[in-house]
Amino acid sequence: MTVKTRIEDKLNAAFEPERLIVLNESSHHAGHQPDMTGEGETHMRVRIVSPAFTKLTRVARHRAITDLLKLEFDAGLHALAIEAAAPGEPTRW
């Protein structure tokens, strides 16, 4: 199972999102560090709209997501960009 699929599965189960997009942006970070070739799944972006975020601050939303994905970071995920919104909030995507 890919990192992207594991992230999608965990986010779907935990937050029951109305919209969810997980993007692999690893290729944009080639050379970021000596061992980063741009291949693999080291840099991901999460775009998520969920009712679970309705009363949470931006920081609390990010913490909830990063806490959920701790094992992915432990397994080699280097960076995660998060765009989290509650239903009805504007998004840029």
C-alpha atoms as a PDB file:
ATOM      1  CA  MET A   1       0.000   0.000   0.000  1.00  0.00           C
ATOM      2  CA  THR A   2       1.344   3.444  -0.876  1.00  0.00           C
ATOM      3  CA  VAL A   3       1.885   6.278   1.608  1.00  0.00           C
ATOM      4  CA  LYS A   4      -0.776   8.272  -0.253  1.00  0.00           C
ATOM      5  CA  THR A   5      -3.318   5.467   0.123  1.00  0.00           C
ATOM      6  CA  ARG A   6      -2.539   5.007   3.821  1.00  0.00           C
ATOM      7  CA  ILE A   7      -2.973   8.742   4.410  1.00  0.00           C
ATOM      8  CA  GLU A   8      -6.275   8.764   2.511  1.00  0.00           C
ATOM      9  CA  ASP A   9      -7.560   5.755   4.445  1.00  0.00           C
ATOM     10  CA  LYS A  10      -6.652   7.245   7.826  1.00  0.00           C
ATOM     11  CA  LEU A  11      -8.132  10.662   7.037  1.00  0.00           C
ATOM     12  CA  ASN A  12     -11.347   9.148   5.657  1.00  0.00           C
ATOM     13  CA  ALA A  13     -11.789   6.977   8.732  1.00  0.00           C
ATOM     14  CA  ALA A  14     -11.008   9.687  11.275  1.00  0.00           C
ATOM     15  CA  PHE A  15     -12.679  12.760   9.765  1.00  0.00           C
ATOM     16  CA  GLU A  16     -15.306  11.498   7.273  1.00  0.00           C
ATOM     17  CA  PRO A  17     -14.490  14.365   4.907  1.00  0.00           C
ATOM     18  CA  GLU A  18     -16.818  15.875   2.342  1.00  0.00           C
ATOM     19  CA  ARG A  19     -13.785  16.445   0.121  1.00  0.00           C
ATOM     20  CA  LEU A  20     -10.320  14.953   0.303  1.00  0.00           C
ATOM     21  CA  ILE A  21      -7.368  15.288  -2.024  1.00  0.00           C
ATOM     22  CA  VAL A  22      -3.927  13.917  -1.186  1.00  0.00           C
ATOM     23  CA  LEU A  23      -1.175  15.016  -3.546  1.00  0.00           C
ATOM     24  CA  ASN A  24       2.328  13.616  -3.804  1.00  0.00           C
ATOM     25  CA  GLU A  25       4.581  16.659  -4.223  1.00  0.00           C
ATOM     26  CA  SER A  26       7.868  14.813  -3.755  1.00  0.00           C
ATOM     27  CA  SER A  27       9.076  15.559  -7.273  1.00  0.00           C
ATOM     28  CA  HIS A  28       9.019  19.291  -6.480  1.00  0.00           C
ATOM     29  CA  HIS A  29      11.557  18.768  -3.695  1.00  0.00           C
ATOM     30  CA  ALA A  30      14.383  16.990  -5.494  1.00  0.00           C
ATOM     31  CA  GLY A  31      17.666  18.210  -4.055  1.00  0.00           C
ATOM     32  CA  HIS A  32      15.980  19.629  -0.947  1.00  0.00           C
ATOM     33  CA  GLN A  33      18.410  17.452   0.987  1.00  0.00           C
ATOM     34  CA  PRO A  34      21.265  15.357  -0.388  1.00  0.00           C
ATOM     35  CA  ASP A  35      19.259  12.115  -0.251  1.00  0.00           C
ATOM     36  CA  MET A  36      16.042  13.550  -1.739  1.00  0.00           C
ATOM     37  CA  THR A  37      15.836  12.601  -5.383  1.00  0.00           C
ATOM     38  CA  GLY A  38      12.206  13.628  -5.922  1.00  0.00           C
ATOM     39  CA  GLU A  39      11.153  10.011  -6.173  1.00  0.00           C
ATOM     40  CA  GLY A  40       9.031   8.206  -3.635  1.00  0.00           C
ATOM     41  CA  GLU A  41       6.516   9.727  -1.230  1.00  0.00           C
ATOM     42  CA  THR A  42       8.369  12.093   1.067  1.00  0.00           C
ATOM     43  CA  HIS A  43       6.376  15.312   0.545  1.00  0.00           C
ATOM     44  CA  MET A  44       2.589  15.252   0.554  1.00  0.00           C
ATOM     45  CA  ARG A  45      -0.193  17.846   0.498  1.00  0.00           C
ATOM     46  CA  VAL A  46      -3.578  17.219   2.127  1.00  0.00           C
ATOM     47  CA  ARG A  47      -6.647  19.187   1.089  1.00  0.00           C
ATOM     48  CA  ILE A  48      -9.583  18.273   3.282  1.00  0.00           C
ATOM     49  CA  VAL A  49     -13.038  19.628   4.093  1.00  0.00           C
ATOM     50  CA  SER A  50     -14.693  17.976   7.074  1.00  0.00           C
ATOM     51  CA  PRO A  51     -17.446  18.785   9.582  1.00  0.00           C
ATOM     52  CA  ALA A  52     -14.997  17.585  12.246  1.00  0.00           C
ATOM     53  CA  PHE A  53     -13.102  20.865  11.789  1.00  0.00           C
ATOM     54  CA  THR A  54     -16.086  23.152  12.383  1.00  0.00           C
ATOM     55  CA  LYS A  55     -15.140  24.332  15.867  1.00  0.00           C
ATOM     56  CA  LEU A  56     -11.387  23.792  15.637  1.00  0.00           C
ATOM     57  CA  THR A  57      -8.768  26.477  15.114  1.00  0.00           C
ATOM     58  CA  ARG A  58      -6.343  26.161  12.241  1.00  0.00           C
ATOM     59  CA  VAL A  59      -3.638  24.986  14.631  1.00  0.00           C
ATOM     60  CA  ALA A  60      -5.945  22.380  16.202  1.00  0.00           C
ATOM     61  CA  ARG A  61      -6.875  21.050  12.738  1.00  0.00           C
ATOM     62  CA  HIS A  62      -3.214  20.687  11.812  1.00  0.00           C
ATOM     63  CA  ARG A  63      -2.407  18.971  15.108  1.00  0.00           C
ATOM     64  CA  ALA A  64      -5.285  16.530  14.682  1.00  0.00           C
ATOM     65  CA  ILE A  65      -4.027  15.570  11.228  1.00  0.00           C
ATOM     66  CA  THR A  66      -0.335  15.345  12.123  1.00  0.00           C
ATOM     67  CA  ASP A  67      -1.108  13.334  15.267  1.00  0.00           C
ATOM     68  CA  LEU A  68      -3.164  10.917  13.168  1.00  0.00           C
ATOM     69  CA  LEU A  69      -0.310  10.540  10.672  1.00  0.00           C
ATOM     70  CA  LYS A  70       2.533  10.150  13.196  1.00  0.00           C
ATOM     71  CA  LEU A  71       3.367   6.649  11.983  1.00  0.00           C
ATOM     72  CA  GLU A  72       3.769   7.970   8.436  1.00  0.00           C
ATOM     73  CA  PHE A  73       6.297  10.539   9.656  1.00  0.00           C
ATOM     74  CA  ASP A  74       8.088   7.833  11.642  1.00  0.00           C
ATOM     75  CA  ALA A  75       8.247   5.731   8.465  1.00  0.00           C
ATOM     76  CA  GLY A  76       9.853   8.466   6.338  1.00  0.00           C
ATOM     77  CA  LEU A  77       7.286  11.113   5.433  1.00  0.00           C
ATOM     78  CA  HIS A  78       9.372  14.288   5.489  1.00  0.00           C
ATOM     79  CA  ALA A  79       6.831  17.071   4.947  1.00  0.00           C
ATOM     80  CA  LEU A  80       3.074  17.503   4.950  1.00  0.00           C
ATOM     81  CA  ALA A  81       1.302  20.612   3.700  1.00  0.00           C
ATOM     82  CA  ILE A  82      -2.215  20.851   5.157  1.00  0.00           C
ATOM     83  CA  GLU A  83      -5.169  22.790   3.796  1.00  0.00           C
ATOM     84  CA  ALA A  84      -8.021  21.964   6.167  1.00  0.00           C
ATOM     85  CA  ALA A  85     -11.451  23.574   6.181  1.00  0.00           C
ATOM     86  CA  ALA A  86     -14.903  23.070   7.619  1.00  0.00           C
ATOM     87  CA  PRO A  87     -17.923  22.931   5.280  1.00  0.00           C
ATOM     88  CA  GLY A  88     -18.848  26.390   4.032  1.00  0.00           C
ATOM     89  CA  GLU A  89     -15.402  27.867   4.588  1.00  0.00           C
ATOM     90  CA  PRO A  90     -13.633  29.190   1.494  1.00  0.00           C
ATOM     91  CA  THR A  91     -10.844  27.150  -0.043  1.00  0.00           C
ATOM     92  CA  ARG A  92      -8.393  28.019  -2.793  1.00  0.00           C
ATOM     93  CA  TRP A  93      -8.769  24.697  -4.516  1.00  0.00           C
END
